Amino acid sequence: MGKPGEDPRARDSASLYADVRRQIVEGSLQPGALLTEAALTATYDVSRTPVRSALAHLEQDGLLGRSARGYTVRQRSAEEVVELFEA
């Protein structure tokens, strides 16, 4: 999910947030996709703290919803999609 040659340990919650948000907006992460702290921690080779922060921020933005197993990418309305691309 990161850029080739990039040191994933250099990521902080802001860059993790930006990367996951981009994947949601571009459609790489489809509505209903499950995101877990453990999977993101392993993928990005970071501790759980920046992952938790990024997930909480994405939930506040309305892009993710909590589920019993982690977070899921929310289905977006046409208006929300337009707002995301305008932002």
Protein backbone atom coordinates (compact mmCIF):
# COMPACT_ATOMS: atom_id res chain seq x y z
CA MET A 1 0.00 0.00 0.00
CA GLY A 2 2.97 2.31 0.43
CA LYS A 3 5.27 3.62 -2.26
CA PRO A 4 8.03 1.33 -3.57
CA GLY A 5 11.35 1.94 -1.84
CA GLU A 6 9.70 3.91 0.94
CA ASP A 7 10.65 3.10 4.53
CA PRO A 8 7.29 2.18 6.08
CA ARG A 9 8.62 2.84 9.58
CA ALA A 10 8.88 6.53 8.69
CA ARG A 11 5.10 6.75 8.47
CA ASP A 12 3.14 8.61 11.09
CA SER A 13 -0.61 8.69 11.63
CA ALA A 14 -1.07 11.63 9.23
CA SER A 15 0.62 9.89 6.31
CA LEU A 16 -1.13 6.60 7.13
CA TYR A 17 -4.45 8.47 7.23
CA ALA A 18 -3.71 10.14 3.89
CA ASP A 19 -2.76 6.84 2.24
CA VAL A 20 -5.82 4.92 3.44
CA ARG A 21 -8.10 7.88 2.63
CA ARG A 22 -6.68 8.02 -0.90
CA GLN A 23 -7.34 4.30 -1.36
CA ILE A 24 -10.94 4.76 -0.22
CA VAL A 25 -11.54 7.78 -2.45
CA GLU A 26 -9.92 6.13 -5.49
CA GLY A 27 -11.88 2.93 -4.93
CA SER A 28 -8.96 0.62 -4.15
CA LEU A 29 -10.73 -0.08 -0.87
CA GLN A 30 -14.33 -0.89 -1.75
CA PRO A 31 -17.35 -0.24 0.50
CA GLY A 32 -17.64 -3.07 2.99
CA ALA A 33 -13.90 -3.79 3.01
CA LEU A 34 -12.68 -4.73 6.48
CA LEU A 35 -9.73 -2.85 7.99
CA THR A 36 -8.17 -4.12 11.21
CA GLU A 37 -5.50 -2.62 13.42
CA ALA A 38 -3.47 -5.83 13.19
CA ALA A 39 -3.51 -5.93 9.38
CA LEU A 40 -2.62 -2.24 9.00
CA THR A 41 0.10 -2.53 11.64
CA ALA A 42 1.68 -5.40 9.69
CA THR A 43 1.19 -3.81 6.26
CA TYR A 44 2.72 -0.47 7.22
CA ASP A 45 5.20 -1.86 9.78
CA VAL A 46 4.15 0.66 12.43
CA SER A 47 2.90 0.43 15.99
CA ARG A 48 -0.80 0.40 16.79
CA THR A 49 -0.83 4.00 18.02
CA PRO A 50 -0.63 5.71 14.58
CA VAL A 51 -2.99 3.08 13.16
CA ARG A 52 -5.59 3.75 15.86
CA SER A 53 -5.26 7.49 15.32
CA ALA A 54 -5.66 7.21 11.54
CA LEU A 55 -8.66 4.86 11.85
CA ALA A 56 -10.35 7.18 14.37
CA HIS A 57 -9.80 10.15 12.04
CA LEU A 58 -11.23 8.24 9.07
CA GLU A 59 -14.24 7.25 11.18
CA GLN A 60 -14.78 10.89 12.19
CA ASP A 61 -14.66 11.83 8.51
CA GLY A 62 -17.43 9.32 7.84
CA LEU A 63 -15.31 7.11 5.61
CA LEU A 64 -15.22 4.16 8.01
CA GLY A 65 -17.70 2.59 10.37
CA ARG A 66 -16.91 0.39 13.35
CA SER A 67 -17.77 -3.25 13.23
CA ALA A 68 -17.31 -6.09 15.69
CA ARG A 69 -14.12 -7.18 13.88
CA GLY A 70 -12.57 -3.77 13.12
CA TYR A 71 -13.59 -1.01 10.73
CA THR A 72 -15.42 -1.24 7.43
CA VAL A 73 -15.35 1.16 4.51
CA ARG A 74 -18.72 2.91 4.38
CA GLN A 75 -20.96 3.03 1.34
CA ARG A 76 -21.08 6.63 0.15
CA SER A 77 -23.91 8.56 -1.44
CA ALA A 78 -23.41 10.41 -4.72
CA GLU A 79 -23.25 13.71 -2.81
CA GLU A 80 -20.53 12.39 -0.49
CA VAL A 81 -18.46 11.20 -3.45
CA VAL A 82 -18.64 14.68 -5.01
CA GLU A 83 -17.59 16.26 -1.69
CA LEU A 84 -14.63 13.88 -1.39
CA PHE A 85 -13.35 14.75 -4.84
CA GLU A 86 -13.85 18.48 -4.22
CA ALA A 87 -11.83 18.25 -1.00
